[in-house]
Amino acid sequence: MKTESESNANQNKIIESIARLISDIGFDGEYKNHTEYLNEIFEHLLETESGDSRSLRIKMLSCIRTSKMLAKALEPFSDEEIQNACLQMTYE
């Protein structure tokens, strides 16, 4: 059975991992435009024979939705604010 301190430690590790992920995404550049990029890629894929797959379409929609959610969550903040917050979270 986990103790409360173990649970808190695990939660902190999860938050640190998410902060590192967001920080890495920020270094990738135009992450706020990824939804548009995914749409463009998927539109071209859908015109191919391999793109005519229901399971592939569901996966594409899931990727677009996740990308939109990330962009929306980070939209109110500047890139610098996001990077500073992530660095602070990972080094606390």
N, C-alpha and C. Protein backbone atom coordinates (compact mmCIF):
# COMPACT_ATOMS: atom_id res chain seq x y z
N MET A 1 0.83 -1.18 0.00
CA MET A 1 0.00 0.00 0.00
C MET A 1 0.88 1.25 0.00
N LYS A 2 0.56 2.19 -0.83
CA LYS A 2 1.37 3.40 -0.96
C LYS A 2 1.08 4.35 0.20
N THR A 3 2.13 4.96 0.67
CA THR A 3 1.94 5.98 1.69
C THR A 3 1.63 7.29 1.00
N GLU A 4 1.17 8.26 1.78
CA GLU A 4 0.82 9.57 1.20
C GLU A 4 2.05 10.25 0.60
N SER A 5 3.21 10.10 1.24
CA SER A 5 4.42 10.74 0.71
C SER A 5 4.83 10.11 -0.62
N GLU A 6 4.65 8.78 -0.75
CA GLU A 6 4.95 8.12 -2.03
C GLU A 6 4.01 8.62 -3.12
N SER A 7 2.75 8.78 -2.76
CA SER A 7 1.77 9.28 -3.71
C SER A 7 2.11 10.69 -4.16
N ASN A 8 2.48 11.55 -3.20
CA ASN A 8 2.88 12.92 -3.54
C ASN A 8 4.13 12.94 -4.39
N ALA A 9 5.08 12.06 -4.07
CA ALA A 9 6.32 11.99 -4.86
C ALA A 9 6.00 11.59 -6.30
N ASN A 10 5.09 10.62 -6.46
CA ASN A 10 4.70 10.19 -7.81
C ASN A 10 3.99 11.31 -8.55
N GLN A 11 3.12 12.04 -7.86
CA GLN A 11 2.43 13.16 -8.50
C GLN A 11 3.44 14.22 -8.94
N ASN A 12 4.42 14.49 -8.09
CA ASN A 12 5.45 15.47 -8.46
C ASN A 12 6.25 15.00 -9.67
N LYS A 13 6.54 13.72 -9.74
CA LYS A 13 7.27 13.17 -10.90
C LYS A 13 6.44 13.32 -12.17
N ILE A 14 5.14 13.09 -12.05
CA ILE A 14 4.26 13.24 -13.22
C ILE A 14 4.25 14.68 -13.69
N ILE A 15 4.11 15.62 -12.76
CA ILE A 15 4.10 17.04 -13.10
C ILE A 15 5.43 17.45 -13.73
N GLU A 16 6.53 16.97 -13.17
CA GLU A 16 7.85 17.27 -13.74
C GLU A 16 7.97 16.71 -15.16
N SER A 17 7.46 15.52 -15.38
CA SER A 17 7.52 14.91 -16.72
C SER A 17 6.70 15.72 -17.72
N ILE A 18 5.53 16.17 -17.31
CA ILE A 18 4.69 16.98 -18.19
C ILE A 18 5.38 18.31 -18.48
N ALA A 19 5.99 18.91 -17.45
CA ALA A 19 6.71 20.17 -17.65
C ALA A 19 7.86 19.99 -18.64
N ARG A 20 8.59 18.86 -18.53
CA ARG A 20 9.68 18.59 -19.49
C ARG A 20 9.13 18.41 -20.90
N LEU A 21 8.01 17.71 -21.02
CA LEU A 21 7.39 17.50 -22.33
C LEU A 21 7.01 18.84 -22.95
N ILE A 22 6.34 19.68 -22.20
CA ILE A 22 5.92 20.99 -22.72
C ILE A 22 7.13 21.84 -23.06
N SER A 23 8.16 21.76 -22.24
CA SER A 23 9.39 22.50 -22.52
C SER A 23 10.02 22.01 -23.83
N ASP A 24 10.08 20.69 -24.00
CA ASP A 24 10.65 20.13 -25.24
C ASP A 24 9.82 20.53 -26.46
N ILE A 25 8.50 20.53 -26.30
CA ILE A 25 7.63 20.94 -27.40
C ILE A 25 7.90 22.41 -27.75
N GLY A 26 8.11 23.22 -26.73
CA GLY A 26 8.40 24.64 -26.96
C GLY A 26 9.67 24.84 -27.75
N PHE A 27 10.67 24.02 -27.50
CA PHE A 27 11.93 24.13 -28.24
C PHE A 27 11.76 23.69 -29.68
N ASP A 28 10.71 22.93 -29.94
CA ASP A 28 10.42 22.46 -31.29
C ASP A 28 9.91 23.58 -32.19
N GLY A 29 9.53 24.68 -31.59
CA GLY A 29 9.13 25.83 -32.39
C GLY A 29 7.65 26.04 -32.48
N GLU A 30 7.12 25.94 -33.64
CA GLU A 30 5.75 26.34 -33.95
C GLU A 30 4.69 25.37 -33.44
N TYR A 31 4.78 24.95 -32.18
CA TYR A 31 3.82 23.96 -31.68
C TYR A 31 2.39 24.48 -31.69
N LYS A 32 2.22 25.79 -31.61
CA LYS A 32 0.86 26.34 -31.64
C LYS A 32 0.24 26.19 -33.04
N ASN A 33 1.07 25.91 -34.04
CA ASN A 33 0.58 25.69 -35.40
C ASN A 33 0.50 24.21 -35.77
N HIS A 34 0.82 23.33 -34.82
CA HIS A 34 0.84 21.90 -35.14
C HIS A 34 -0.50 21.38 -35.62
N THR A 35 -1.58 21.93 -35.08
CA THR A 35 -2.90 21.48 -35.53
C THR A 35 -3.07 21.73 -37.01
N GLU A 36 -2.66 22.90 -37.47
CA GLU A 36 -2.74 23.21 -38.90
C GLU A 36 -1.84 22.28 -39.71
N TYR A 37 -0.65 22.01 -39.20
CA TYR A 37 0.26 21.11 -39.89
C TYR A 37 -0.35 19.71 -39.99
N LEU A 38 -0.92 19.22 -38.88
CA LEU A 38 -1.55 17.90 -38.89
C LEU A 38 -2.70 17.85 -39.89
N ASN A 39 -3.51 18.89 -39.90
CA ASN A 39 -4.63 18.94 -40.85
C ASN A 39 -4.12 18.83 -42.28
N GLU A 40 -3.08 19.58 -42.58
CA GLU A 40 -2.53 19.57 -43.95
C GLU A 40 -2.00 18.18 -44.31
N ILE A 41 -1.26 17.59 -43.40
CA ILE A 41 -0.71 16.24 -43.64
C ILE A 41 -1.83 15.23 -43.83
N PHE A 42 -2.82 15.28 -42.93
CA PHE A 42 -3.90 14.31 -42.98
C PHE A 42 -4.78 14.49 -44.21
N GLU A 43 -4.99 15.72 -44.65
CA GLU A 43 -5.76 15.94 -45.88
C GLU A 43 -5.09 15.27 -47.06
N HIS A 44 -3.77 15.37 -47.12
CA HIS A 44 -3.05 14.71 -48.22
C HIS A 44 -3.13 13.18 -48.08
N LEU A 45 -3.01 12.69 -46.86
CA LEU A 45 -3.10 11.25 -46.64
C LEU A 45 -4.46 10.70 -47.04
N LEU A 46 -5.51 11.46 -46.73
CA LEU A 46 -6.87 10.99 -47.02
C LEU A 46 -7.12 10.86 -48.52
N GLU A 47 -6.33 11.52 -49.32
CA GLU A 47 -6.47 11.42 -50.77
C GLU A 47 -5.81 10.18 -51.34
N THR A 48 -5.08 9.45 -50.48
CA THR A 48 -4.40 8.24 -50.93
C THR A 48 -5.23 7.02 -50.57
N GLU A 49 -4.88 5.90 -51.17
CA GLU A 49 -5.60 4.66 -50.88
C GLU A 49 -5.41 4.24 -49.42
N SER A 50 -4.19 4.39 -48.91
CA SER A 50 -3.94 3.99 -47.52
C SER A 50 -4.67 4.90 -46.53
N GLY A 51 -4.99 6.11 -46.94
CA GLY A 51 -5.73 7.02 -46.08
C GLY A 51 -7.21 6.70 -45.97
N ASP A 52 -7.66 5.77 -46.81
CA ASP A 52 -9.07 5.39 -46.80
C ASP A 52 -9.29 4.26 -45.80
N SER A 53 -8.97 4.53 -44.56
CA SER A 53 -9.08 3.53 -43.50
C SER A 53 -9.77 4.17 -42.30
N ARG A 54 -10.82 3.54 -41.83
CA ARG A 54 -11.59 4.10 -40.71
C ARG A 54 -10.71 4.24 -39.47
N SER A 55 -9.93 3.21 -39.15
CA SER A 55 -9.09 3.26 -37.94
C SER A 55 -8.02 4.35 -38.06
N LEU A 56 -7.48 4.53 -39.27
CA LEU A 56 -6.50 5.58 -39.48
C LEU A 56 -7.14 6.96 -39.31
N ARG A 57 -8.33 7.13 -39.83
CA ARG A 57 -9.06 8.40 -39.70
C ARG A 57 -9.33 8.72 -38.23
N ILE A 58 -9.71 7.71 -37.45
CA ILE A 58 -9.97 7.92 -36.02
C ILE A 58 -8.69 8.35 -35.32
N LYS A 59 -7.58 7.73 -35.64
CA LYS A 59 -6.29 8.10 -35.04
C LYS A 59 -5.90 9.52 -35.43
N MET A 60 -6.13 9.89 -36.68
CA MET A 60 -5.81 11.24 -37.13
C MET A 60 -6.64 12.28 -36.37
N LEU A 61 -7.94 12.00 -36.23
CA LEU A 61 -8.80 12.93 -35.50
C LEU A 61 -8.38 13.05 -34.04
N SER A 62 -7.95 11.96 -33.45
CA SER A 62 -7.47 11.98 -32.07
C SER A 62 -6.22 12.85 -31.95
N CYS A 63 -5.30 12.72 -32.90
CA CYS A 63 -4.07 13.54 -32.89
C CYS A 63 -4.41 15.02 -33.02
N ILE A 64 -5.31 15.33 -33.91
CA ILE A 64 -5.71 16.73 -34.12
C ILE A 64 -6.35 17.28 -32.84
N ARG A 65 -7.23 16.49 -32.24
CA ARG A 65 -7.92 16.93 -31.02
C ARG A 65 -6.91 17.18 -29.90
N THR A 66 -5.96 16.28 -29.71
CA THR A 66 -4.94 16.44 -28.67
C THR A 66 -4.10 17.69 -28.93
N SER A 67 -3.73 17.89 -30.17
CA SER A 67 -2.94 19.06 -30.55
C SER A 67 -3.71 20.35 -30.27
N LYS A 68 -5.00 20.35 -30.60
CA LYS A 68 -5.84 21.53 -30.34
C LYS A 68 -5.94 21.81 -28.85
N MET A 69 -6.10 20.76 -28.06
CA MET A 69 -6.23 20.93 -26.62
C MET A 69 -4.96 21.52 -26.02
N LEU A 70 -3.81 21.05 -26.48
CA LEU A 70 -2.53 21.58 -25.99
C LEU A 70 -2.38 23.04 -26.38
N ALA A 71 -2.66 23.36 -27.64
CA ALA A 71 -2.54 24.74 -28.11
C ALA A 71 -3.49 25.66 -27.35
N LYS A 72 -4.71 25.20 -27.10
CA LYS A 72 -5.69 26.01 -26.38
C LYS A 72 -5.26 26.23 -24.93
N ALA A 73 -4.74 25.20 -24.30
CA ALA A 73 -4.30 25.31 -22.91
C ALA A 73 -3.15 26.29 -22.75
N LEU A 74 -2.28 26.35 -23.76
CA LEU A 74 -1.09 27.21 -23.67
C LEU A 74 -1.29 28.56 -24.34
N GLU A 75 -2.41 28.74 -25.02
CA GLU A 75 -2.68 29.96 -25.79
C GLU A 75 -2.54 31.26 -25.00
N PRO A 76 -3.01 31.33 -23.74
CA PRO A 76 -2.93 32.61 -23.02
C PRO A 76 -1.51 33.05 -22.65
N PHE A 77 -0.54 32.16 -22.82
CA PHE A 77 0.81 32.44 -22.34
C PHE A 77 1.79 32.62 -23.50
N SER A 78 2.77 33.46 -23.27
CA SER A 78 3.82 33.65 -24.27
C SER A 78 4.77 32.45 -24.22
N ASP A 79 5.54 32.27 -25.29
CA ASP A 79 6.51 31.19 -25.32
C ASP A 79 7.50 31.32 -24.16
N GLU A 80 7.91 32.53 -23.87
CA GLU A 80 8.86 32.77 -22.78
C GLU A 80 8.25 32.39 -21.43
N GLU A 81 7.00 32.75 -21.20
CA GLU A 81 6.33 32.40 -19.94
C GLU A 81 6.24 30.88 -19.78
N ILE A 82 5.94 30.20 -20.86
CA ILE A 82 5.83 28.74 -20.82
C ILE A 82 7.17 28.12 -20.50
N GLN A 83 8.22 28.57 -21.18
CA GLN A 83 9.56 28.03 -20.94
C GLN A 83 10.01 28.27 -19.51
N ASN A 84 9.79 29.48 -19.00
CA ASN A 84 10.19 29.79 -17.63
C ASN A 84 9.45 28.93 -16.61
N ALA A 85 8.15 28.75 -16.81
CA ALA A 85 7.36 27.93 -15.90
C ALA A 85 7.83 26.47 -15.93
N CYS A 86 8.11 25.97 -17.11
CA CYS A 86 8.58 24.59 -17.24
C CYS A 86 9.92 24.40 -16.57
N LEU A 87 10.82 25.33 -16.78
CA LEU A 87 12.13 25.24 -16.15
C LEU A 87 12.00 25.29 -14.64
N GLN A 88 11.16 26.15 -14.16
CA GLN A 88 10.95 26.27 -12.71
C GLN A 88 10.37 24.96 -12.14
N MET A 89 9.43 24.37 -12.85
CA MET A 89 8.80 23.12 -12.38
C MET A 89 9.80 21.95 -12.36
N THR A 90 10.66 21.89 -13.35
CA THR A 90 11.57 20.74 -13.45
C THR A 90 12.75 20.86 -12.49
N TYR A 91 13.05 22.06 -12.03
CA TYR A 91 14.21 22.23 -11.15
C TYR A 91 13.84 22.58 -9.72
N GLU A 92 12.59 22.41 -9.34
CA GLU A 92 12.20 22.66 -7.96
C GLU A 92 12.37 21.42 -7.13
